[in-house]
Amino acid sequence: MKAQAREIAIEKAKAKAEVLAKNLGMSLGRMTAFSEDGAYGYPTPMLTKANYDMGNAVAQESMPIPAGEQEIVSNVTISYELR
C-alpha cells in the first residue's frame, strides 16, 4: 500500500511539474533530485481504566471497540531541469 501511495504521489508531482514548465514556456528535462516523506505512524492502543482493572470483567466486556481506518500518505519532492 505504501508503494502504491508513493507511485500516485510521483505521478501527481510530475504532472504538476509539467503544467508549471508549460506555463513558463519550457519543458521538463531530466530529474535532478528526489526525496520522500510520509506518515509512518502506527496505530496506538487506547488504554482506559478497563484495561488496568483486570478484576472487573464487566468493564472490559462493555467497552465498545470503534471501527477505524488507516490512511497511508506519501509526500514526494522532485526537482527537474527545465529546457
C-alpha atoms as a PDB file:
ATOM      1  CA  MET A   1       0.000   0.000   0.000  1.00  0.00           C
ATOM      2  CA  LYS A   2       2.876   2.358   0.784  1.00  0.00           C
ATOM      3  CA  ALA A   3       4.411   1.684  -2.651  1.00  0.00           C
ATOM      4  CA  GLN A   4       1.077   2.457  -4.313  1.00  0.00           C
ATOM      5  CA  ALA A   5       0.776   5.747  -2.389  1.00  0.00           C
ATOM      6  CA  ARG A   6       4.333   6.645  -3.452  1.00  0.00           C
ATOM      7  CA  GLU A   7       3.566   5.843  -7.108  1.00  0.00           C
ATOM      8  CA  ILE A   8       0.479   8.069  -7.066  1.00  0.00           C
ATOM      9  CA  ALA A   9       2.432  10.888  -5.386  1.00  0.00           C
ATOM     10  CA  ILE A  10       5.164  10.669  -8.035  1.00  0.00           C
ATOM     11  CA  GLU A  11       2.611  10.762 -10.868  1.00  0.00           C
ATOM     12  CA  LYS A  12       0.911  13.823  -9.364  1.00  0.00           C
ATOM     13  CA  ALA A  13       4.227  15.606  -8.782  1.00  0.00           C
ATOM     14  CA  LYS A  14       5.350  15.027 -12.366  1.00  0.00           C
ATOM     15  CA  ALA A  15       2.002  16.187 -13.768  1.00  0.00           C
ATOM     16  CA  LYS A  16       2.214  19.371 -11.679  1.00  0.00           C
ATOM     17  CA  ALA A  17       5.803  19.972 -12.804  1.00  0.00           C
ATOM     18  CA  GLU A  18       4.783  19.559 -16.454  1.00  0.00           C
ATOM     19  CA  VAL A  19       1.990  22.130 -16.071  1.00  0.00           C
ATOM     20  CA  LEU A  20       4.338  24.614 -14.379  1.00  0.00           C
ATOM     21  CA  ALA A  21       7.013  24.106 -17.036  1.00  0.00           C
ATOM     22  CA  LYS A  22       4.436  24.635 -19.799  1.00  0.00           C
ATOM     23  CA  ASN A  23       3.231  27.845 -18.081  1.00  0.00           C
ATOM     24  CA  LEU A  24       6.836  29.055 -18.208  1.00  0.00           C
ATOM     25  CA  GLY A  25       7.132  28.183 -21.902  1.00  0.00           C
ATOM     26  CA  MET A  26       9.578  25.379 -21.154  1.00  0.00           C
ATOM     27  CA  SER A  27       9.626  21.600 -20.890  1.00  0.00           C
ATOM     28  CA  LEU A  28      10.881  19.183 -18.286  1.00  0.00           C
ATOM     29  CA  GLY A  29      14.404  17.868 -18.558  1.00  0.00           C
ATOM     30  CA  ARG A  30      15.911  15.091 -16.504  1.00  0.00           C
ATOM     31  CA  MET A  31      15.079  14.596 -12.853  1.00  0.00           C
ATOM     32  CA  THR A  32      17.821  16.051 -10.662  1.00  0.00           C
ATOM     33  CA  ALA A  33      16.585  15.249  -7.131  1.00  0.00           C
ATOM     34  CA  PHE A  34      14.021  13.126  -5.341  1.00  0.00           C
ATOM     35  CA  SER A  35      13.002  12.924  -1.704  1.00  0.00           C
ATOM     36  CA  GLU A  36      10.129  11.292   0.110  1.00  0.00           C
ATOM     37  CA  ASP A  37       8.492  11.995   3.437  1.00  0.00           C
ATOM     38  CA  GLY A  38       5.474  10.041   4.532  1.00  0.00           C
ATOM     39  CA  ALA A  39       3.348   9.300   7.527  1.00  0.00           C
ATOM     40  CA  TYR A  40       4.824   6.171   9.035  1.00  0.00           C
ATOM     41  CA  GLY A  41       2.843   6.222  12.275  1.00  0.00           C
ATOM     42  CA  TYR A  42       1.372   3.038  13.588  1.00  0.00           C
ATOM     43  CA  PRO A  43      -1.913   2.682  15.437  1.00  0.00           C
ATOM     44  CA  THR A  44      -1.583   3.163  19.188  1.00  0.00           C
ATOM     45  CA  PRO A  45      -3.913   1.257  21.502  1.00  0.00           C
ATOM     46  CA  MET A  46      -6.198   3.408  23.610  1.00  0.00           C
ATOM     47  CA  LEU A  47      -5.846   2.496  27.268  1.00  0.00           C
ATOM     48  CA  THR A  48      -8.674   3.060  29.701  1.00  0.00           C
ATOM     49  CA  LYS A  49      -9.407   2.137  33.301  1.00  0.00           C
ATOM     50  CA  ALA A  50     -10.930  -1.108  31.990  1.00  0.00           C
ATOM     51  CA  ASN A  51      -7.528  -2.112  30.599  1.00  0.00           C
ATOM     52  CA  TYR A  52      -5.957  -1.803  34.041  1.00  0.00           C
ATOM     53  CA  ASP A  53      -8.779  -3.228  36.165  1.00  0.00           C
ATOM     54  CA  MET A  54      -8.288  -6.934  35.469  1.00  0.00           C
ATOM     55  CA  GLY A  55     -10.750  -7.918  38.216  1.00  0.00           C
ATOM     56  CA  ASN A  56     -13.674  -6.066  36.618  1.00  0.00           C
ATOM     57  CA  ALA A  57     -14.800  -8.260  33.710  1.00  0.00           C
ATOM     58  CA  VAL A  58     -17.975  -6.191  33.171  1.00  0.00           C
ATOM     59  CA  ALA A  59     -15.965  -3.042  32.453  1.00  0.00           C
ATOM     60  CA  GLN A  60     -13.804  -4.927  29.952  1.00  0.00           C
ATOM     61  CA  GLU A  61     -16.748  -6.514  28.153  1.00  0.00           C
ATOM     62  CA  SER A  62     -18.805  -3.335  27.926  1.00  0.00           C
ATOM     63  CA  MET A  63     -16.039  -1.259  26.386  1.00  0.00           C
ATOM     64  CA  PRO A  64     -17.035  -0.647  22.731  1.00  0.00           C
ATOM     65  CA  ILE A  65     -14.412  -1.149  20.051  1.00  0.00           C
ATOM     66  CA  PRO A  66     -14.718   1.613  17.473  1.00  0.00           C
ATOM     67  CA  ALA A  67     -14.298   0.876  13.786  1.00  0.00           C
ATOM     68  CA  GLY A  68     -11.257   2.520  12.308  1.00  0.00           C
ATOM     69  CA  GLU A  69      -9.268   3.135   9.233  1.00  0.00           C
ATOM     70  CA  GLN A  70      -5.668   3.761   8.375  1.00  0.00           C
ATOM     71  CA  GLU A  71      -4.512   6.410   5.935  1.00  0.00           C
ATOM     72  CA  ILE A  72      -1.264   5.839   4.097  1.00  0.00           C
ATOM     73  CA  VAL A  73       0.401   9.010   2.889  1.00  0.00           C
ATOM     74  CA  SER A  74       3.413   9.610   0.683  1.00  0.00           C
ATOM     75  CA  ASN A  75       4.761  13.097   0.089  1.00  0.00           C
ATOM     76  CA  VAL A  76       7.423  13.458  -2.575  1.00  0.00           C
ATOM     77  CA  THR A  77       9.589  16.322  -3.748  1.00  0.00           C
ATOM     78  CA  ILE A  78      11.030  16.013  -7.233  1.00  0.00           C
ATOM     79  CA  SER A  79      13.308  18.524  -8.967  1.00  0.00           C
ATOM     80  CA  TYR A  80      13.703  18.629 -12.743  1.00  0.00           C
ATOM     81  CA  GLU A  81      15.902  20.525 -15.148  1.00  0.00           C
ATOM     82  CA  LEU A  82      13.963  22.896 -17.398  1.00  0.00           C
ATOM     83  CA  ARG A  83      14.701  23.154 -21.123  1.00  0.00           C
END
